[in-house]
N, C-alpha and C. Protein backbone atom coordinates (compact mmCIF):
# COMPACT_ATOMS: atom_id res chain seq x y z
N MET A 1 76.17 27.03 15.61
CA MET A 1 75.05 27.13 14.70
C MET A 1 75.22 26.07 13.60
N PRO A 2 74.22 25.19 13.43
CA PRO A 2 74.35 24.14 12.42
C PRO A 2 74.26 24.70 11.01
N LYS A 3 74.99 24.05 10.13
CA LYS A 3 74.97 24.49 8.74
C LYS A 3 73.67 24.03 8.08
N GLN A 4 73.25 24.80 7.10
CA GLN A 4 72.05 24.45 6.37
C GLN A 4 72.37 23.33 5.39
N LYS A 5 71.48 22.34 5.29
CA LYS A 5 71.71 21.20 4.41
C LYS A 5 70.98 21.43 3.10
N PHE A 6 71.71 21.27 2.01
CA PHE A 6 71.13 21.43 0.69
C PHE A 6 70.81 20.05 0.13
N PRO A 7 69.61 19.85 -0.42
CA PRO A 7 69.25 18.54 -0.98
C PRO A 7 70.15 18.12 -2.13
N GLU A 8 70.63 19.07 -2.93
CA GLU A 8 71.50 18.74 -4.05
C GLU A 8 72.83 18.17 -3.56
N ALA A 9 73.37 18.80 -2.52
CA ALA A 9 74.64 18.33 -1.96
C ALA A 9 74.47 16.98 -1.28
N GLU A 10 73.39 16.79 -0.55
CA GLU A 10 73.12 15.51 0.10
C GLU A 10 73.03 14.40 -0.94
N ALA A 11 72.35 14.64 -2.04
CA ALA A 11 72.21 13.63 -3.08
C ALA A 11 73.55 13.31 -3.71
N ARG A 12 74.37 14.32 -3.93
CA ARG A 12 75.68 14.11 -4.56
C ARG A 12 76.62 13.33 -3.63
N LEU A 13 76.59 13.63 -2.34
CA LEU A 13 77.53 13.02 -1.42
C LEU A 13 77.10 11.65 -0.91
N PHE A 14 75.80 11.41 -0.77
CA PHE A 14 75.34 10.20 -0.09
C PHE A 14 74.52 9.26 -0.97
N SER A 15 74.03 9.73 -2.10
CA SER A 15 73.18 8.89 -2.94
C SER A 15 74.04 7.92 -3.74
N ARG A 16 73.76 6.65 -3.64
CA ARG A 16 74.43 5.58 -4.39
C ARG A 16 75.91 5.45 -4.07
N VAL A 17 76.33 5.85 -2.86
CA VAL A 17 77.73 5.74 -2.47
C VAL A 17 77.85 4.59 -1.47
N PHE A 18 78.82 3.70 -1.73
CA PHE A 18 79.05 2.55 -0.88
C PHE A 18 80.51 2.51 -0.46
N ILE A 19 80.75 1.93 0.73
CA ILE A 19 82.08 1.86 1.31
C ILE A 19 82.48 0.39 1.43
N CYS A 20 83.72 0.10 1.08
CA CYS A 20 84.26 -1.25 1.22
C CYS A 20 84.48 -1.53 2.71
N MET A 21 84.10 -2.72 3.16
CA MET A 21 84.24 -3.04 4.57
C MET A 21 85.65 -3.52 4.91
N LYS A 22 86.46 -3.81 3.93
CA LYS A 22 87.83 -4.27 4.20
C LYS A 22 88.83 -3.11 4.16
N CYS A 23 88.77 -2.28 3.10
CA CYS A 23 89.81 -1.26 2.95
C CYS A 23 89.26 0.17 3.08
N GLY A 24 87.96 0.36 3.06
CA GLY A 24 87.40 1.70 3.21
C GLY A 24 87.29 2.47 1.91
N GLY A 25 87.48 1.82 0.77
CA GLY A 25 87.36 2.49 -0.51
C GLY A 25 85.92 2.87 -0.82
N ARG A 26 85.76 3.95 -1.59
CA ARG A 26 84.42 4.43 -1.94
C ARG A 26 84.09 4.02 -3.37
N VAL A 27 82.85 3.54 -3.56
CA VAL A 27 82.36 3.12 -4.87
C VAL A 27 80.98 3.74 -5.07
N LYS A 28 80.75 4.32 -6.23
CA LYS A 28 79.44 4.86 -6.55
C LYS A 28 78.78 3.91 -7.55
N ALA A 29 77.68 3.27 -7.14
CA ALA A 29 77.02 2.28 -7.98
C ALA A 29 75.55 2.19 -7.59
N SER A 30 74.77 1.46 -8.38
CA SER A 30 73.36 1.32 -8.08
C SER A 30 73.17 0.31 -6.95
N PRO A 31 72.22 0.55 -6.05
CA PRO A 31 72.01 -0.36 -4.93
C PRO A 31 71.61 -1.77 -5.34
N ALA A 32 70.91 -1.91 -6.45
CA ALA A 32 70.51 -3.25 -6.90
C ALA A 32 71.73 -4.09 -7.29
N LYS A 33 72.70 -3.49 -7.95
CA LYS A 33 73.90 -4.22 -8.35
C LYS A 33 74.76 -4.56 -7.14
N VAL A 34 74.80 -3.67 -6.15
CA VAL A 34 75.58 -3.94 -4.94
C VAL A 34 74.94 -5.09 -4.17
N LYS A 35 73.63 -5.08 -4.08
CA LYS A 35 72.93 -6.14 -3.36
C LYS A 35 73.10 -7.49 -4.05
N ALA A 36 73.16 -7.49 -5.37
CA ALA A 36 73.37 -8.72 -6.13
C ALA A 36 74.84 -9.12 -6.17
N ARG A 37 75.73 -8.33 -5.55
CA ARG A 37 77.17 -8.56 -5.49
C ARG A 37 77.81 -8.59 -6.88
N LYS A 38 77.37 -7.72 -7.75
CA LYS A 38 77.97 -7.58 -9.07
C LYS A 38 79.05 -6.51 -9.09
N ILE A 39 79.11 -5.68 -8.04
CA ILE A 39 80.08 -4.59 -7.94
C ILE A 39 81.15 -5.00 -6.93
N ASN A 40 82.40 -4.70 -7.25
CA ASN A 40 83.47 -4.97 -6.30
C ASN A 40 84.29 -3.70 -6.08
N CYS A 41 85.11 -3.74 -5.03
CA CYS A 41 85.96 -2.61 -4.67
C CYS A 41 87.08 -2.48 -5.70
N ARG A 42 87.43 -1.24 -6.03
CA ARG A 42 88.50 -1.01 -7.00
C ARG A 42 89.87 -1.29 -6.41
N LYS A 43 90.02 -1.10 -5.10
CA LYS A 43 91.33 -1.27 -4.46
C LYS A 43 91.64 -2.73 -4.15
N CYS A 44 90.72 -3.40 -3.44
CA CYS A 44 91.03 -4.74 -2.95
C CYS A 44 90.20 -5.85 -3.60
N LYS A 45 89.32 -5.50 -4.51
CA LYS A 45 88.48 -6.45 -5.25
C LYS A 45 87.48 -7.20 -4.37
N SER A 46 87.19 -6.68 -3.18
CA SER A 46 86.22 -7.31 -2.29
C SER A 46 84.81 -6.95 -2.74
N LYS A 47 83.85 -7.82 -2.45
CA LYS A 47 82.45 -7.56 -2.78
C LYS A 47 81.63 -7.21 -1.54
N GLN A 48 82.30 -7.00 -0.42
CA GLN A 48 81.63 -6.65 0.82
C GLN A 48 81.51 -5.14 0.91
N LEU A 49 80.38 -4.59 0.50
CA LEU A 49 80.16 -3.15 0.51
C LEU A 49 78.99 -2.81 1.42
N ARG A 50 79.05 -1.63 2.01
CA ARG A 50 77.96 -1.13 2.84
C ARG A 50 77.64 0.28 2.40
N ALA A 51 76.44 0.74 2.72
CA ALA A 51 76.04 2.10 2.39
C ALA A 51 76.81 3.07 3.29
N ILE A 52 77.05 4.27 2.78
CA ILE A 52 77.78 5.28 3.54
C ILE A 52 76.88 5.83 4.64
N HIS A 53 77.47 6.12 5.80
CA HIS A 53 76.72 6.72 6.90
C HIS A 53 76.51 8.20 6.60
N LYS A 54 75.31 8.69 6.82
CA LYS A 54 75.01 10.09 6.48
C LYS A 54 75.49 11.06 7.54
N ASP A 55 75.67 10.62 8.76
CA ASP A 55 76.17 11.53 9.79
C ASP A 55 77.29 10.83 10.55
N ARG A 56 78.38 11.55 10.79
CA ARG A 56 79.51 11.00 11.51
C ARG A 56 79.29 11.16 13.00
N LYS A 57 79.58 10.12 13.73
CA LYS A 57 79.48 10.19 15.18
C LYS A 57 80.87 10.46 15.73
N VAL A 58 81.00 11.51 16.49
CA VAL A 58 82.32 11.91 16.99
C VAL A 58 82.48 11.46 18.41
């Protein structure tokens, strides 16, 4: 039986969350700043970020 999805939880977990493509670190920032490459990863200082996937494929 699938779990019920709450909009509040979805917004908290997936809204404005980006993943570093080199080390996998998570950064919460505005999409405009990420697109302009003004945000970098805290761990490896890379500017290559992608949006978090909302569903995991197993």
